[in-house]
Amino acid sequence: LVKLCEKRKHECLLSEQLQTAITYLNQFLPPEHHIQYIHKDMARIHKRKKNDLIGILEGVAEENIQKTGIFHSGPELYCHQINPHPKYLLLGGYGYKEGYIGRDQTGLVRVNCVDCLDRTNTAQFIMGKCALGYQLYVLGILEDPHVPFDCDTMRLLEEAYEDLGDSLAVQYGGSSLVHRIQTYRKVAPMKSHGRDIYHTTLRYARNAFTDTDKQMAINVFLGVFIPS
């Protein structure tokens, strides 16, 4: 989720190094176990009004969940055996075999951005949303492995991810999330924009005036600096 096009290279350097490292590691892995590096410049996509960033992320999430599969500790429902949803037939993982109850996830997805966790938290939320759809489907709660945004389940999931993101962002950046999930969904843009400006200003002030003390405290904790 790092930026790819920059006048002065900062984040894109990390992307290039990640790609190089993954290409190197894949030399020692069988093709079916290769690490796949998928790059999406969220900031650039979000800036263009015509782009549907959430739709793009949902497509990536769907593709990856189908590859890794999901965990389910119970037997396969009979209705899924006789009339499965087309997306369910594409779900990867291992399980529902003779003598094996349930199914296992056989891969994982790692998401990272740079600096402030905002992009990572939104992308992780979309991954969780996609996985939750399949989980509710295999339990027989949904007829389609997809959960729409406009429902209580998604509102609770979004709140949970934002609480998690805020907790991490306060520790790491000194303020709550700047760009929230609603910002990237372009829901209530005026409200989101005002909140984003406030948190951006707050984070800049704290980084400018309190980062030194924070870094010294971390150095003491890590044993890098030992007070005399």
Protein backbone atom coordinates (compact mmCIF):
# COMPACT_ATOMS: atom_id res chain seq x y z
CA LEU A 1 0.00 0.00 0.00
CA VAL A 2 3.02 2.29 -0.25
CA LYS A 3 3.22 5.18 -2.72
CA LEU A 4 4.70 4.28 -6.08
CA CYS A 5 4.96 7.68 -7.82
CA GLU A 6 6.86 10.32 -5.85
CA LYS A 7 8.90 13.36 -6.91
CA ARG A 8 11.45 12.47 -4.25
CA LYS A 9 11.67 8.75 -3.64
CA HIS A 10 10.74 7.73 -0.12
CA GLU A 11 8.04 5.06 0.15
CA CYS A 12 8.62 3.66 -3.34
CA LEU A 13 12.16 2.67 -2.27
CA LEU A 14 10.61 0.28 0.24
CA SER A 15 8.33 -1.19 -2.44
CA GLU A 16 11.29 -1.89 -4.71
CA GLN A 17 13.24 -3.56 -1.89
CA LEU A 18 10.24 -5.69 -0.89
CA GLN A 19 9.85 -6.88 -4.47
CA THR A 20 13.56 -7.73 -4.68
CA ALA A 21 13.47 -9.64 -1.38
CA ILE A 22 10.38 -11.62 -2.36
CA THR A 23 11.83 -12.51 -5.78
CA TYR A 24 14.94 -13.81 -3.98
CA LEU A 25 12.96 -15.90 -1.47
CA ASN A 26 10.74 -17.41 -4.16
CA GLN A 27 13.82 -19.06 -5.70
CA PHE A 28 13.82 -21.51 -2.81
CA LEU A 29 10.07 -22.24 -2.77
CA PRO A 30 7.99 -24.53 -4.98
CA PRO A 31 5.75 -22.58 -7.41
CA GLU A 32 2.55 -23.40 -5.49
CA HIS A 33 4.05 -21.84 -2.33
CA HIS A 34 5.45 -18.67 -3.89
CA ILE A 35 4.98 -15.40 -1.98
CA GLN A 36 2.86 -13.06 -4.07
CA TYR A 37 3.52 -9.34 -3.81
CA ILE A 38 0.49 -7.22 -4.73
CA HIS A 39 1.06 -3.49 -4.82
CA LYS A 40 -1.74 -0.92 -4.61
CA ASP A 41 -0.94 2.78 -4.30
CA MET A 42 -3.94 3.63 -2.09
CA ALA A 43 -3.11 7.31 -1.76
CA ARG A 44 -2.93 7.80 -5.55
CA ILE A 45 -6.08 5.77 -6.24
CA HIS A 46 -8.03 7.63 -3.53
CA LYS A 47 -7.13 11.06 -4.92
CA ARG A 48 -8.87 10.35 -8.22
CA LYS A 49 -12.59 10.97 -7.79
CA LYS A 50 -13.66 8.44 -10.42
CA ASN A 51 -11.77 5.56 -8.79
CA ASP A 52 -13.60 3.14 -6.52
CA LEU A 53 -10.83 2.39 -4.03
CA ILE A 54 -12.96 0.17 -1.78
CA GLY A 55 -14.17 -1.82 -4.79
CA ILE A 56 -10.56 -2.37 -5.90
CA LEU A 57 -9.54 -3.52 -2.41
CA GLU A 58 -12.56 -5.83 -2.23
CA GLY A 59 -11.46 -7.45 -5.49
CA VAL A 60 -7.96 -8.05 -4.10
CA ALA A 61 -9.39 -9.37 -0.82
CA GLU A 62 -11.75 -11.76 -2.63
CA GLU A 63 -8.91 -13.14 -4.74
CA ASN A 64 -6.66 -13.71 -1.73
CA ILE A 65 -9.31 -15.23 0.55
CA GLN A 66 -10.17 -17.69 -2.22
CA LYS A 67 -6.50 -18.71 -2.36
CA THR A 68 -5.89 -19.06 1.38
CA GLY A 69 -9.28 -20.41 2.38
CA ILE A 70 -10.79 -19.99 5.86
CA PHE A 71 -10.93 -22.01 9.08
CA HIS A 72 -14.10 -23.90 9.97
CA SER A 73 -14.26 -26.48 12.77
CA GLY A 74 -17.57 -28.09 11.78
CA PRO A 75 -18.74 -30.40 8.98
CA GLU A 76 -19.81 -29.09 5.61
CA LEU A 77 -23.52 -28.26 5.49
CA TYR A 78 -25.64 -30.51 3.30
CA CYS A 79 -27.14 -27.54 1.45
CA HIS A 80 -23.63 -26.49 0.39
CA GLN A 81 -22.98 -29.97 -0.98
CA ILE A 82 -26.06 -30.07 -3.20
CA ASN A 83 -26.38 -26.40 -4.18
CA PRO A 84 -23.14 -24.48 -3.47
CA HIS A 85 -22.66 -20.82 -4.32
CA PRO A 86 -20.28 -20.32 -7.32
CA LYS A 87 -17.83 -18.33 -5.14
CA TYR A 88 -17.83 -21.14 -2.56
CA LEU A 89 -16.60 -23.59 -5.19
CA LEU A 90 -13.51 -21.40 -5.71
CA LEU A 91 -12.63 -21.25 -2.00
CA GLY A 92 -9.17 -22.68 -1.32
CA GLY A 93 -7.75 -24.24 1.81
CA TYR A 94 -8.00 -27.86 2.87
CA GLY A 95 -10.83 -29.84 4.36
CA TYR A 96 -14.27 -31.43 4.04
CA LYS A 97 -12.55 -34.63 2.94
CA GLU A 98 -13.37 -38.17 3.96
CA GLY A 99 -12.29 -38.66 7.56
CA TYR A 100 -11.56 -34.95 8.06
CA ILE A 101 -14.13 -32.71 9.74
CA GLY A 102 -13.92 -28.99 9.03
CA ARG A 103 -11.53 -27.07 6.85
CA ASP A 104 -8.18 -25.32 7.36
CA GLN A 105 -6.75 -22.09 6.08
CA THR A 106 -3.57 -22.78 4.09
CA GLY A 107 -2.08 -19.32 3.69
CA LEU A 108 -2.02 -15.82 5.09
CA VAL A 109 -2.16 -12.24 3.89
CA ARG A 110 0.14 -9.55 5.27
CA VAL A 111 -0.71 -5.88 4.72
CA ASN A 112 1.63 -2.95 5.25
CA CYS A 113 1.90 0.74 4.46
CA VAL A 114 4.33 3.35 5.77
CA ASP A 115 4.11 5.91 8.55
CA CYS A 116 0.68 6.04 10.17
CA LEU A 117 -1.30 2.78 9.87
CA ASP A 118 -4.31 4.43 8.17
CA ARG A 119 -3.99 2.58 4.87
CA THR A 120 -3.10 -0.70 6.57
CA ASN A 121 -6.13 -0.55 8.86
CA THR A 122 -8.53 0.12 6.00
CA ALA A 123 -7.11 -2.69 3.86
CA GLN A 124 -7.19 -5.10 6.81
CA PHE A 125 -10.82 -4.16 7.42
CA ILE A 126 -11.68 -5.06 3.82
CA MET A 127 -9.86 -8.38 4.20
CA GLY A 128 -11.79 -9.07 7.41
CA LYS A 129 -15.07 -8.09 5.75
CA CYS A 130 -14.46 -10.55 2.91
CA ALA A 131 -13.41 -13.37 5.24
CA LEU A 132 -16.42 -12.75 7.50
CA GLY A 133 -18.74 -13.18 4.52
CA TYR A 134 -17.34 -16.65 3.80
CA GLN A 135 -17.36 -17.58 7.50
CA LEU A 136 -21.03 -16.67 7.89
CA TYR A 137 -21.80 -18.55 4.67
CA VAL A 138 -20.17 -21.84 5.77
CA LEU A 139 -22.10 -21.57 9.06
CA GLY A 140 -25.34 -21.38 7.08
CA ILE A 141 -26.19 -17.83 8.22
CA LEU A 142 -25.90 -16.22 4.77
CA GLU A 143 -27.02 -17.49 1.37
CA ASP A 144 -24.28 -15.47 -0.35
CA PRO A 145 -20.67 -15.18 0.97
CA HIS A 146 -20.85 -11.39 0.94
CA VAL A 147 -21.75 -8.92 3.70
CA PRO A 148 -23.02 -5.50 2.51
CA PHE A 149 -21.70 -2.32 4.10
CA ASP A 150 -25.12 -1.07 5.16
CA CYS A 151 -25.87 -3.52 7.96
CA ASP A 152 -25.33 -3.69 11.72
CA THR A 153 -22.69 -6.41 11.36
CA MET A 154 -20.49 -4.20 9.19
CA ARG A 155 -20.98 -1.19 11.44
CA LEU A 156 -19.79 -3.22 14.45
CA LEU A 157 -16.84 -4.64 12.48
CA GLU A 158 -15.86 -1.17 11.26
CA GLU A 159 -15.98 0.23 14.81
CA ALA A 160 -13.82 -2.66 16.06
CA TYR A 161 -11.17 -2.08 13.39
CA GLU A 162 -11.17 1.69 14.00
CA ASP A 163 -10.76 1.18 17.77
CA LEU A 164 -7.81 -1.12 17.03
CA GLY A 165 -6.33 1.37 14.56
CA ASP A 166 -6.71 4.27 17.00
CA SER A 167 -4.96 2.35 19.78
CA LEU A 168 -1.99 1.52 17.55
CA ALA A 169 -1.85 4.99 15.95
CA VAL A 170 -1.77 6.75 19.34
CA GLN A 171 1.24 4.63 20.36
CA TYR A 172 3.00 5.01 17.04
CA GLY A 173 2.02 8.43 15.66
CA GLY A 174 0.79 10.34 18.69
CA SER A 175 -2.82 10.72 17.55
CA SER A 176 -5.81 8.71 16.40
CA LEU A 177 -6.13 7.54 12.81
CA VAL A 178 -5.98 10.45 10.36
CA HIS A 179 -7.70 8.85 7.38
CA ARG A 180 -10.42 6.55 8.66
CA ILE A 181 -12.36 3.83 6.86
CA GLN A 182 -15.18 6.29 6.12
CA THR A 183 -12.64 8.64 4.53
CA TYR A 184 -11.65 6.00 1.99
CA ARG A 185 -15.29 5.01 1.48
CA LYS A 186 -16.04 8.70 0.78
CA VAL A 187 -18.96 8.64 3.21
CA ALA A 188 -19.85 12.07 4.72
CA PRO A 189 -16.80 13.72 3.05
CA MET A 190 -17.18 17.13 4.77
CA LYS A 191 -17.27 15.58 8.24
CA SER A 192 -14.36 13.26 7.44
CA HIS A 193 -12.29 16.08 5.91
CA GLY A 194 -12.64 18.30 9.01
CA ARG A 195 -11.68 15.44 11.33
CA ASP A 196 -8.72 14.52 9.11
CA ILE A 197 -7.36 18.11 9.22
CA TYR A 198 -7.63 18.16 13.02
CA HIS A 199 -5.78 14.86 13.49
CA THR A 200 -3.14 15.77 10.88
CA THR A 201 -2.38 19.02 12.73
CA LEU A 202 -2.34 17.24 16.09
CA ARG A 203 0.00 14.54 14.83
CA TYR A 204 2.37 17.07 13.26
CA ALA A 205 2.57 19.08 16.48
CA ARG A 206 3.23 16.02 18.63
CA ASN A 207 5.80 14.64 16.20
CA ALA A 208 7.59 18.00 16.06
CA PHE A 209 7.74 18.60 19.82
CA THR A 210 7.49 15.26 21.63
CA ASP A 211 9.19 12.72 19.35
CA THR A 212 12.60 13.25 20.96
CA ASP A 213 11.33 12.38 24.43
CA LYS A 214 9.42 9.41 23.05
CA GLN A 215 12.50 8.10 21.21
CA MET A 216 14.67 8.49 24.32
CA ALA A 217 12.13 6.51 26.36
CA ILE A 218 12.10 3.75 23.71
CA ASN A 219 15.91 3.65 23.69
CA VAL A 220 15.95 3.20 27.47
CA PHE A 221 13.35 0.42 27.20
CA LEU A 222 15.37 -1.38 24.49
CA GLY A 223 18.63 -0.97 26.35
CA VAL A 224 20.17 1.12 23.58
CA PHE A 225 20.68 4.00 26.02
CA ILE A 226 21.67 3.32 29.59
CA PRO A 227 21.41 6.33 31.94
CA SER A 228 24.57 6.98 33.93
